[in-house]
Amino acid sequence: MKTTGKIAWVVTVSLLAGICSGCGVNAETAKEGIYAAATGMENTPIIEYTLPQLTANVLVNRLGYQAAEEKMAAVKGKELPEEFRLVNADTGETAYQGSIEKVSYNAEMDLFLGYAVFDEYETPGNYYVECDIIGRSDTFSIVPELYIQLFEELTRKLLIDCGQQAATLAEVTELLTAYEWYPELFEDGDKNDVPDILEQLADWFEIRENSGEDAQDGVLNAALLAKFSYLYQKYDKKYATTCLQRASSLFDKTQNTMQKDAESFFALTELYKASGLSSYRKQILEYKAYFENSGGFGSEREYLYGAMTYMVTRQKVDVELCNTLLDKMMDRGEEISNRIDDMTHPVAAKNNGTEDILTQASEMIFVNYVLNSYQYHKILEDFFHYLGGRNLQSVVFYPREEDCTGYLLLLAQLAAMSMPEEATER
């Protein structure tokens, strides 16, 4: 009898935990019953209890929302209310209320889906979205400069990792690219007229060279050193030249075994942009047939980096190759634009996971940059909101502890697009 009482107590506590959670458990689960009873030899009930998976019915970006940008929660359930309330999490008071919009039915999942839109509410603070019938969301913040805040936090983390030699080459590639595209986002904290990021990356390169580690990653390290030399020449031309010579040396050592791959293409474009040597230009043209016959850039971001570098260089370029690269980018932009609803659907998303999402976000980022019009801004926000928790399991995929590749450029472009024009001139 003691055993029975203990089990009953555990079940009761578990039930209370489910009731008190903010996940909005479906009523259908309760109807079906959540335990099964069997009778043992002594007629003692043996309860086999399985805790049902609880998922939020009100899906929000748990990273937060930028005050002046789109703010929307997805709501799902067997039945939906007509209205929602935006509640101040600190005071419990309703700050805003509106109607559930764009309600649709997913037959495969037997769920209704709608959206709670609160774009016009911009007051900073901590909030949650609450609905009758289906419950409430997790708490999130509305922040005036959310994208800049997240970008600066991630940049600091990556630079600390660089100081500890823990940053990946892919992360350093994003740091350098973000600085090259959006220098206004980076600070000169010590006021010595050299951006802090370049000083810290100079130390990173030097430590890798002294340890011989840069030679182990010859081709990609050559690409990064060449890019760094190009960016650093306005601050210290002599040191920049030394870096370019080191990049050329590392690249030359790969010639015996070099394949025509993404990293080599990236290195060639950066070396050509920094030096203007015709030998690099000729090798770049050897990739022309590959791009003409391929459907895009594949999953390797180095092809994207190399393509962008080649298209924006001031050196002499092959016009046909430039047009081919531009056409490939535009085609990918249109394809991703047509698929964005499926890829980031709150309850029925069709994608191959975080890596797939970030790869396609990167392609859209490059398209936005080369067009210089940011016409795909909303698509980038859709990626951001999905990765931030507006997905079926309400999972926040950012940041990944092992590798933050893909997030920095996404945040950089969102931040740059949201900055006032006067703030871009630092």
Protein backbone atom coordinates (compact mmCIF):
# COMPACT_ATOMS: atom_id res chain seq x y z
CA MET A 1 0.00 0.00 0.00
CA LYS A 2 2.92 2.36 0.63
CA THR A 3 4.09 1.82 -2.93
CA THR A 4 0.64 2.67 -4.29
CA GLY A 5 0.47 5.89 -2.29
CA LYS A 6 3.89 6.94 -3.50
CA ILE A 7 2.99 6.34 -7.15
CA ALA A 8 -0.30 8.19 -6.79
CA TRP A 9 1.56 11.13 -5.25
CA VAL A 10 4.04 11.23 -8.17
CA VAL A 11 1.20 11.15 -10.67
CA THR A 12 -0.64 13.93 -8.86
CA VAL A 13 2.49 16.14 -8.80
CA SER A 14 3.14 15.43 -12.48
CA LEU A 15 -0.42 16.33 -13.37
CA LEU A 16 -0.20 19.55 -11.41
CA ALA A 17 3.07 20.40 -13.13
CA GLY A 18 1.40 19.97 -16.50
CA ILE A 19 -1.60 22.05 -15.50
CA CYS A 20 0.54 24.87 -14.12
CA SER A 21 2.87 25.05 -17.12
CA GLY A 22 2.42 27.82 -19.67
CA CYS A 23 2.41 25.44 -22.60
CA GLY A 24 -1.34 25.20 -23.21
CA VAL A 25 -1.85 21.42 -23.29
CA ASN A 26 -4.45 20.35 -25.82
CA ALA A 27 -7.78 19.27 -24.38
CA GLU A 28 -7.71 16.21 -26.66
CA THR A 29 -4.78 14.78 -24.67
CA ALA A 30 -6.83 14.82 -21.49
CA LYS A 31 -9.80 13.16 -23.20
CA GLU A 32 -7.69 10.19 -24.28
CA GLY A 33 -6.34 9.63 -20.78
CA ILE A 34 -2.71 9.87 -19.70
CA TYR A 35 -2.23 6.62 -17.83
CA ALA A 36 -3.05 2.96 -18.21
CA ALA A 37 -3.80 0.71 -15.21
CA ALA A 38 -3.18 -3.03 -14.87
CA THR A 39 -3.91 -5.48 -12.04
CA GLY A 40 -1.08 -7.46 -10.45
CA MET A 41 -1.19 -10.77 -8.57
CA GLU A 42 -2.33 -9.01 -5.38
CA ASN A 43 -4.85 -6.79 -7.19
CA THR A 44 -2.52 -3.80 -6.71
CA PRO A 45 -2.86 -1.24 -9.52
CA ILE A 46 0.39 -0.85 -11.47
CA ILE A 47 0.38 2.56 -13.13
CA GLU A 48 2.48 3.09 -16.23
CA TYR A 49 2.67 6.84 -16.61
CA THR A 50 4.20 8.57 -19.61
CA LEU A 51 4.56 12.33 -19.45
CA PRO A 52 3.10 13.80 -22.64
CA GLN A 53 5.32 16.14 -24.64
CA LEU A 54 4.21 19.66 -23.85
CA THR A 55 4.67 22.29 -26.53
CA ALA A 56 3.65 25.91 -26.52
CA ASN A 57 0.55 26.82 -28.46
CA VAL A 58 1.60 30.47 -28.74
CA LEU A 59 4.94 30.63 -30.57
CA VAL A 60 7.10 33.74 -30.28
CA ASN A 61 10.67 34.78 -30.99
CA ARG A 62 12.11 34.27 -27.53
CA LEU A 63 15.17 36.31 -28.50
CA GLY A 64 12.85 39.32 -28.67
CA TYR A 65 11.50 41.77 -31.20
CA GLN A 66 12.93 45.02 -32.52
CA ALA A 67 10.53 47.76 -31.48
CA ALA A 68 10.07 49.38 -34.89
CA GLU A 69 10.04 46.13 -36.91
CA GLU A 70 7.54 43.32 -37.52
CA LYS A 71 6.23 41.73 -34.32
CA MET A 72 4.12 38.62 -34.75
CA ALA A 73 3.34 35.46 -32.77
CA ALA A 74 1.96 32.25 -34.26
CA VAL A 75 -0.95 30.59 -32.45
CA LYS A 76 -2.03 26.98 -32.95
CA GLY A 77 -4.65 24.63 -31.58
CA LYS A 78 -7.63 22.38 -32.25
CA GLU A 79 -9.66 25.52 -31.69
CA LEU A 80 -8.56 29.13 -31.75
CA PRO A 81 -9.93 32.19 -29.98
CA GLU A 82 -10.76 35.33 -31.91
CA GLU A 83 -8.50 37.67 -29.93
CA PHE A 84 -5.14 37.83 -28.18
CA ARG A 85 -3.64 39.97 -25.43
CA LEU A 86 -0.11 41.32 -25.16
CA VAL A 87 0.61 41.29 -21.43
CA ASN A 88 3.35 43.15 -19.57
CA ALA A 89 5.23 40.34 -17.83
CA ASP A 90 6.38 42.61 -15.00
CA THR A 91 3.01 44.12 -14.09
CA GLY A 92 0.53 41.57 -15.41
CA GLU A 93 -1.40 44.34 -17.15
CA THR A 94 -2.70 44.03 -20.72
CA ALA A 95 -0.65 46.39 -22.87
CA TYR A 96 -2.28 45.68 -26.20
CA GLN A 97 -4.96 43.45 -27.65
CA GLY A 98 -6.02 42.52 -31.14
CA SER A 99 -7.66 39.92 -33.35
CA ILE A 100 -6.12 36.65 -34.51
CA GLU A 101 -5.38 37.03 -38.24
CA LYS A 102 -4.83 34.76 -41.25
CA VAL A 103 -6.38 31.67 -39.69
CA SER A 104 -5.81 28.47 -41.68
CA TYR A 105 -6.27 24.75 -41.10
CA ASN A 106 -3.56 22.11 -41.45
CA ALA A 107 -5.31 18.82 -42.19
CA GLU A 108 -2.17 16.71 -41.79
CA MET A 109 -1.61 17.95 -38.24
CA ASP A 110 -5.30 18.56 -37.51
CA LEU A 111 -4.46 22.05 -36.24
CA PHE A 112 -5.65 25.57 -36.83
CA LEU A 113 -2.96 28.22 -37.21
CA GLY A 114 -3.31 31.98 -36.90
CA TYR A 115 -1.18 35.04 -36.15
CA ALA A 116 -1.20 37.61 -33.39
CA VAL A 117 0.23 40.79 -34.92
CA PHE A 118 1.31 43.65 -32.67
CA ASP A 119 3.55 45.67 -35.01
CA GLU A 120 2.16 49.01 -33.88
CA TYR A 121 3.02 48.43 -30.22
CA GLU A 122 6.63 49.61 -29.70
CA THR A 123 7.01 50.26 -25.95
CA PRO A 124 10.17 48.50 -24.66
CA GLY A 125 9.71 45.91 -21.93
CA ASN A 126 9.11 42.24 -21.14
CA TYR A 127 5.91 40.68 -22.44
CA TYR A 128 4.03 37.52 -23.29
CA VAL A 129 1.13 36.85 -25.63
CA GLU A 130 -1.95 35.33 -23.99
CA CYS A 131 -5.02 33.77 -25.59
CA ASP A 132 -8.18 32.20 -24.25
CA ILE A 133 -8.47 28.43 -24.82
CA ILE A 134 -4.85 27.79 -25.83
CA GLY A 135 -2.77 29.55 -23.15
CA ARG A 136 0.18 31.91 -23.30
CA SER A 137 3.62 32.23 -24.84
CA ASP A 138 7.05 32.32 -23.29
CA THR A 139 8.24 35.72 -22.12
CA PHE A 140 10.12 37.88 -24.60
CA SER A 141 11.37 41.46 -24.80
CA ILE A 142 10.64 44.37 -27.09
CA VAL A 143 13.92 46.25 -27.57
CA PRO A 144 14.58 49.48 -29.52
CA GLU A 145 17.87 48.23 -31.05
CA LEU A 146 17.63 44.47 -30.64
CA TYR A 147 19.61 43.56 -33.76
CA ILE A 148 22.52 45.83 -32.87
CA GLN A 149 22.48 44.54 -29.30
CA LEU A 150 22.59 40.88 -30.37
CA PHE A 151 25.20 41.63 -33.01
CA GLU A 152 27.50 43.36 -30.52
CA GLU A 153 27.07 40.56 -27.99
CA LEU A 154 27.96 37.90 -30.55
CA THR A 155 30.90 39.94 -31.87
CA ARG A 156 32.33 40.26 -28.35
CA LYS A 157 31.98 36.50 -27.85
CA LEU A 158 33.73 35.70 -31.11
CA LEU A 159 36.58 38.12 -30.41
CA ILE A 160 37.07 36.56 -26.98
CA ASP A 161 37.20 33.18 -28.72
CA CYS A 162 39.80 34.61 -31.12
CA GLY A 163 41.90 35.74 -28.15
CA GLN A 164 41.73 32.20 -26.77
CA GLN A 165 42.39 30.68 -30.22
CA ALA A 166 39.00 28.98 -29.98
CA ALA A 167 37.27 30.66 -32.93
CA THR A 168 36.78 28.64 -36.10
CA LEU A 169 38.05 29.84 -39.46
CA ALA A 170 34.44 30.09 -40.63
CA GLU A 171 33.64 32.43 -37.73
CA VAL A 172 36.68 34.62 -38.50
CA THR A 173 35.57 34.73 -42.13
CA GLU A 174 32.22 36.12 -41.00
CA LEU A 175 33.87 38.64 -38.69
CA LEU A 176 36.04 40.00 -41.49
CA THR A 177 33.16 40.03 -43.97
CA ALA A 178 30.85 41.78 -41.52
CA TYR A 179 33.51 44.44 -40.93
CA GLU A 180 34.15 44.84 -44.66
CA TRP A 181 30.45 45.32 -45.41
CA TYR A 182 29.32 47.22 -42.33
CA PRO A 183 32.29 49.01 -40.70
CA GLU A 184 29.85 51.41 -39.01
CA LEU A 185 28.81 48.58 -36.68
CA PHE A 186 32.30 48.23 -35.20
CA GLU A 187 33.86 50.40 -32.52
CA ASP A 188 37.26 51.96 -31.94
CA GLY A 189 37.14 51.68 -28.16
CA ASP A 190 40.68 52.90 -27.48
CA LYS A 191 40.26 55.84 -29.93
CA ASN A 192 43.51 55.14 -31.78
CA ASP A 193 41.83 55.36 -35.20
CA VAL A 194 42.16 51.60 -35.78
CA PRO A 195 38.98 49.53 -35.31
CA ASP A 196 39.32 47.18 -32.35
CA ILE A 197 38.34 44.17 -34.42
CA LEU A 198 41.29 44.59 -36.79
CA GLU A 199 43.74 44.90 -33.92
CA GLN A 200 42.42 41.79 -32.25
CA LEU A 201 42.43 39.80 -35.47
CA ALA A 202 46.01 40.92 -36.15
CA ASP A 203 46.97 39.27 -32.86
CA TRP A 204 44.98 36.16 -33.86
CA PHE A 205 46.85 35.84 -37.16
CA GLU A 206 50.23 36.40 -35.48
CA ILE A 207 49.66 33.69 -32.86
CA ARG A 208 48.59 31.23 -35.56
CA GLU A 209 51.68 32.01 -37.64
CA ASN A 210 54.06 31.66 -34.69
CA SER A 211 52.54 28.31 -33.78
CA GLY A 212 52.53 27.07 -37.38
CA GLU A 213 48.79 26.49 -37.16
CA ASP A 214 48.06 28.72 -40.15
CA ALA A 215 50.05 26.39 -42.41
CA GLN A 216 47.73 23.52 -41.49
CA ASP A 217 44.81 25.47 -42.93
CA GLY A 218 46.83 26.85 -45.82
CA VAL A 219 44.22 27.68 -48.46
CA LEU A 220 41.53 29.12 -46.19
CA ASN A 221 44.07 30.91 -44.00
CA ALA A 222 45.53 32.46 -47.17
CA ALA A 223 42.08 33.75 -48.11
CA LEU A 224 41.58 35.30 -44.67
CA LEU A 225 45.04 36.86 -44.55
CA ALA A 226 44.55 38.38 -48.00
CA LYS A 227 41.18 39.81 -46.98
CA PHE A 228 42.69 41.16 -43.76
CA SER A 229 45.59 42.77 -45.63
CA TYR A 230 43.17 44.54 -47.96
CA LEU A 231 41.16 45.90 -45.01
CA TYR A 232 44.21 46.85 -42.94
CA GLN A 233 46.21 48.69 -45.61
CA LYS A 234 44.61 52.07 -44.83
CA TYR A 235 45.88 51.82 -41.24
CA ASP A 236 49.32 50.22 -41.69
CA LYS A 237 50.34 49.58 -45.29
CA LYS A 238 53.65 47.97 -44.36
CA TYR A 239 52.09 45.42 -42.06
CA ALA A 240 49.29 44.80 -44.56
CA THR A 241 51.90 44.04 -47.22
CA THR A 242 53.58 41.56 -44.87
CA CYS A 243 50.23 39.81 -44.36
CA LEU A 244 49.63 39.64 -48.11
CA GLN A 245 53.07 38.13 -48.65
CA ARG A 246 52.31 35.52 -46.00
CA ALA A 247 48.96 34.78 -47.66
CA SER A 248 50.65 34.32 -51.03
CA SER A 249 53.25 32.02 -49.49
CA LEU A 250 50.64 29.85 -47.82
CA PHE A 251 48.67 29.62 -51.04
CA ASP A 252 51.73 28.74 -53.13
CA LYS A 253 52.52 25.81 -50.84
CA THR A 254 49.14 24.29 -51.75
CA GLN A 255 49.80 24.34 -55.49
CA ASN A 256 51.06 20.76 -55.70
CA THR A 257 47.86 19.33 -54.26
CA MET A 258 45.39 22.17 -54.86
CA GLN A 259 42.01 21.16 -56.15
CA LYS A 260 39.48 23.37 -57.84
CA ASP A 261 37.25 23.67 -54.80
CA ALA A 262 35.36 26.34 -52.88
CA GLU A 263 38.19 27.29 -50.51
CA SER A 264 40.68 27.65 -53.37
CA PHE A 265 38.25 29.84 -55.33
CA PHE A 266 37.76 32.02 -52.26
CA ALA A 267 41.52 32.33 -51.72
CA LEU A 268 42.15 33.22 -55.37
CA THR A 269 39.54 35.99 -55.37
CA GLU A 270 40.89 37.53 -52.17
CA LEU A 271 44.49 37.33 -53.36
CA TYR A 272 43.53 38.90 -56.68
CA LYS A 273 41.53 41.66 -55.02
CA ALA A 274 44.47 42.52 -52.73
CA SER A 275 47.30 42.17 -55.26
CA GLY A 276 45.88 42.49 -58.78
CA LEU A 277 48.26 39.79 -60.07
CA SER A 278 47.21 38.34 -63.43
CA SER A 279 48.24 34.82 -62.35
CA TYR A 280 45.38 34.80 -59.85
CA ARG A 281 42.94 36.21 -62.41
CA LYS A 282 43.76 33.40 -64.84
CA GLN A 283 43.18 30.74 -62.18
CA ILE A 284 39.85 32.33 -61.25
CA LEU A 285 38.69 32.03 -64.86
CA GLU A 286 39.27 28.27 -64.68
CA TYR A 287 36.13 28.16 -62.49
CA LYS A 288 34.00 29.76 -65.20
CA ALA A 289 32.73 26.45 -66.61
CA TYR A 290 31.85 25.22 -63.12
CA PHE A 291 29.57 28.19 -62.42
CA GLU A 292 28.04 28.15 -65.90
CA ASN A 293 27.06 24.49 -65.50
CA SER A 294 26.07 24.46 -61.82
CA GLY A 295 22.68 25.22 -60.34
CA GLY A 296 24.09 27.59 -57.74
CA PHE A 297 26.74 27.70 -55.05
CA GLY A 298 25.96 24.48 -53.24
CA SER A 299 26.27 24.26 -49.47
CA GLU A 300 29.82 25.66 -49.37
CA ARG A 301 29.80 29.30 -48.30
CA GLU A 302 33.31 29.85 -49.66
CA TYR A 303 31.88 29.89 -53.20
CA LEU A 304 29.55 32.67 -52.08
CA TYR A 305 32.37 34.63 -50.43
CA GLY A 306 34.56 34.24 -53.49
CA ALA A 307 31.77 35.26 -55.85
CA MET A 308 31.03 38.38 -53.85
CA THR A 309 34.71 39.32 -53.63
CA TYR A 310 35.14 38.94 -57.38
CA MET A 311 32.06 40.97 -58.22
CA VAL A 312 33.01 43.93 -56.02
CA THR A 313 36.77 44.04 -56.71
CA ARG A 314 38.22 47.10 -58.40
CA GLN A 315 40.62 44.92 -60.35
CA LYS A 316 39.98 43.94 -63.96
CA VAL A 317 37.35 41.18 -64.17
CA ASP A 318 35.77 38.94 -66.75
CA VAL A 319 32.35 40.46 -67.45
CA GLU A 320 30.80 37.16 -68.48
CA LEU A 321 31.90 35.48 -65.24
CA CYS A 322 30.56 38.41 -63.21
CA ASN A 323 27.20 38.20 -65.00
CA THR A 324 27.07 34.45 -64.45
CA LEU A 325 27.75 34.85 -60.73
CA LEU A 326 25.15 37.60 -60.46
CA ASP A 327 22.57 35.51 -62.32
CA LYS A 328 23.20 32.57 -59.98
CA MET A 329 22.70 34.79 -56.94
CA MET A 330 19.52 36.30 -58.32
CA ASP A 331 18.13 32.87 -59.18
CA ARG A 332 18.83 31.63 -55.66
CA GLY A 333 17.28 34.74 -54.18
CA GLU A 334 14.10 34.19 -56.16
CA GLU A 335 14.01 30.49 -55.31
CA ILE A 336 14.44 31.10 -51.58
CA SER A 337 11.87 33.91 -51.71
CA ASN A 338 9.34 31.50 -53.20
CA ARG A 339 10.06 28.85 -50.54
CA ILE A 340 10.39 30.99 -47.42
CA ASP A 341 6.87 30.29 -46.16
CA ASP A 342 7.43 26.55 -46.35
CA MET A 343 10.92 26.70 -44.83
CA THR A 344 9.92 28.80 -41.82
CA HIS A 345 6.29 27.80 -41.30
CA PRO A 346 5.61 27.83 -37.55
CA VAL A 347 4.05 24.35 -37.41
CA ALA A 348 4.75 22.66 -40.75
CA ALA A 349 8.23 23.87 -41.70
CA LYS A 350 10.01 21.92 -44.44
CA ASN A 351 13.76 22.31 -44.13
CA ASN A 352 16.80 20.18 -43.39
CA GLY A 353 17.58 21.71 -40.01
CA THR A 354 19.53 24.66 -38.68
CA GLU A 355 22.46 24.28 -41.09
CA ASP A 356 20.09 24.35 -44.06
CA ILE A 357 18.30 27.42 -42.73
CA LEU A 358 21.55 29.29 -42.09
CA THR A 359 23.02 28.36 -45.47
CA GLN A 360 19.98 29.67 -47.32
CA ALA A 361 19.87 32.75 -45.10
CA SER A 362 23.50 33.40 -46.08
CA GLU A 363 22.62 33.23 -49.75
CA MET A 364 19.83 35.74 -49.24
CA ILE A 365 22.17 38.00 -47.26
CA PHE A 366 24.60 38.06 -50.19
CA VAL A 367 21.80 38.80 -52.65
CA ASN A 368 20.59 41.66 -50.46
CA TYR A 369 24.08 43.10 -50.24
CA VAL A 370 24.90 42.92 -53.94
CA LEU A 371 21.54 44.45 -54.87
CA ASN A 372 22.09 47.22 -52.32
CA SER A 373 18.33 47.51 -51.95
CA TYR A 374 17.55 45.08 -49.11
CA GLN A 375 14.33 44.06 -50.82
CA TYR A 376 14.50 40.72 -49.01
CA HIS A 377 14.55 42.26 -45.53
CA LYS A 378 11.35 40.50 -44.43
CA ILE A 379 12.74 37.13 -45.50
CA LEU A 380 15.76 37.63 -43.26
CA GLU A 381 13.42 38.50 -40.39
CA ASP A 382 11.44 35.32 -41.06
CA PHE A 383 14.65 33.31 -40.74
CA PHE A 384 15.52 35.17 -37.54
CA HIS A 385 12.10 34.65 -35.95
CA TYR A 386 12.05 30.96 -36.85
CA LEU A 387 15.53 30.40 -35.37
CA GLY A 388 14.54 32.42 -32.31
CA GLY A 389 11.61 30.20 -31.33
CA ARG A 390 8.73 30.74 -33.73
CA ASN A 391 8.78 27.07 -34.64
CA LEU A 392 6.74 24.00 -33.72
CA GLN A 393 8.76 23.05 -30.63
CA SER A 394 9.42 26.67 -29.60
CA VAL A 395 13.16 25.94 -29.67
CA VAL A 396 15.74 28.74 -29.68
CA PHE A 397 18.50 27.58 -32.03
CA TYR A 398 20.70 30.63 -31.39
CA PRO A 399 23.45 30.71 -30.35
CA ARG A 400 25.07 27.38 -31.03
CA GLU A 401 27.88 26.73 -28.57
CA GLU A 402 30.10 24.82 -30.97
CA ASP A 403 29.98 27.20 -33.94
CA CYS A 404 28.18 30.49 -34.52
CA THR A 405 28.75 30.51 -38.29
CA GLY A 406 25.78 31.95 -40.12
CA TYR A 407 24.42 34.10 -37.32
CA LEU A 408 26.84 37.03 -37.35
CA LEU A 409 26.17 38.13 -40.94
CA LEU A 410 22.44 37.68 -40.44
CA LEU A 411 22.50 39.95 -37.38
CA ALA A 412 24.91 42.37 -39.07
CA GLN A 413 22.62 42.90 -42.04
CA LEU A 414 19.51 43.19 -39.89
CA ALA A 415 21.34 45.69 -37.68
CA ALA A 416 22.64 47.73 -40.61
CA MET A 417 19.20 47.86 -42.21
CA SER A 418 17.62 49.11 -38.99
CA MET A 419 20.17 51.82 -38.18
CA PRO A 420 19.23 55.48 -38.74
CA GLU A 421 21.23 57.02 -41.56
CA GLU A 422 23.00 59.46 -39.25
CA ALA A 423 24.18 56.56 -37.07
CA THR A 424 26.03 54.90 -39.95
CA GLU A 425 28.69 57.60 -40.00
CA ARG A 426 31.01 56.84 -37.10
